[in-house]
């Protein structure tokens, strides 16, 4: 039996946190940063847009992440997410319909409090990856990410950790991005 098409623009705000509320949430880290979680509908499912960082990056080289970065002084966190998405993948703020936010997550090693904001974009957009930061734009369907979930034991800096991971089409997601993705998939479960 075929599912009725989902009106994501109407449903997503009901499932996410208000952006202003999310910006007031505290995370146990010192440096505030923000990411944009761009989503678009395709063939009755949502697709997430990620970046694959270049191997030349000082931190997290070659990893899959959401476009984002450190907040500039005096900048609202949501503006940070939108600015970084434009700088990293050429996704203009005018092309993003803000749907809501997710709880912030902290990074242990780098001491970042990352505030994720979720935006709906049109399918078929042409991204322009910034070659200094982004090796490729990676588009992954959310149902495939759900299926690609696995709790794994990884060795990082000589220390074994058990963490959430997602593997889809050879793309491996872990760390803060996996934690953000976990929050997203949990909240969006009713429309997946």
Foldseek 3Di string as FASTA:
>chain_A
DDDDADPCLVPLLVLAAAAVVQLPDDEQFDFEKEAEFEWEDDPRFIKTKWFQWDQPDPPPHRAIAGFMDTDDPPDRRVVRRQVRQCVAWNCHPVQWAWRHWFHWYAADPVRYTYTYTYTYGYPPDHTDGDVNTGPDMDMGTLVQQVVQWDFDWDADPNDTDTFIWGADPRHIHTDRRRVRSVRVCVSCVVSD
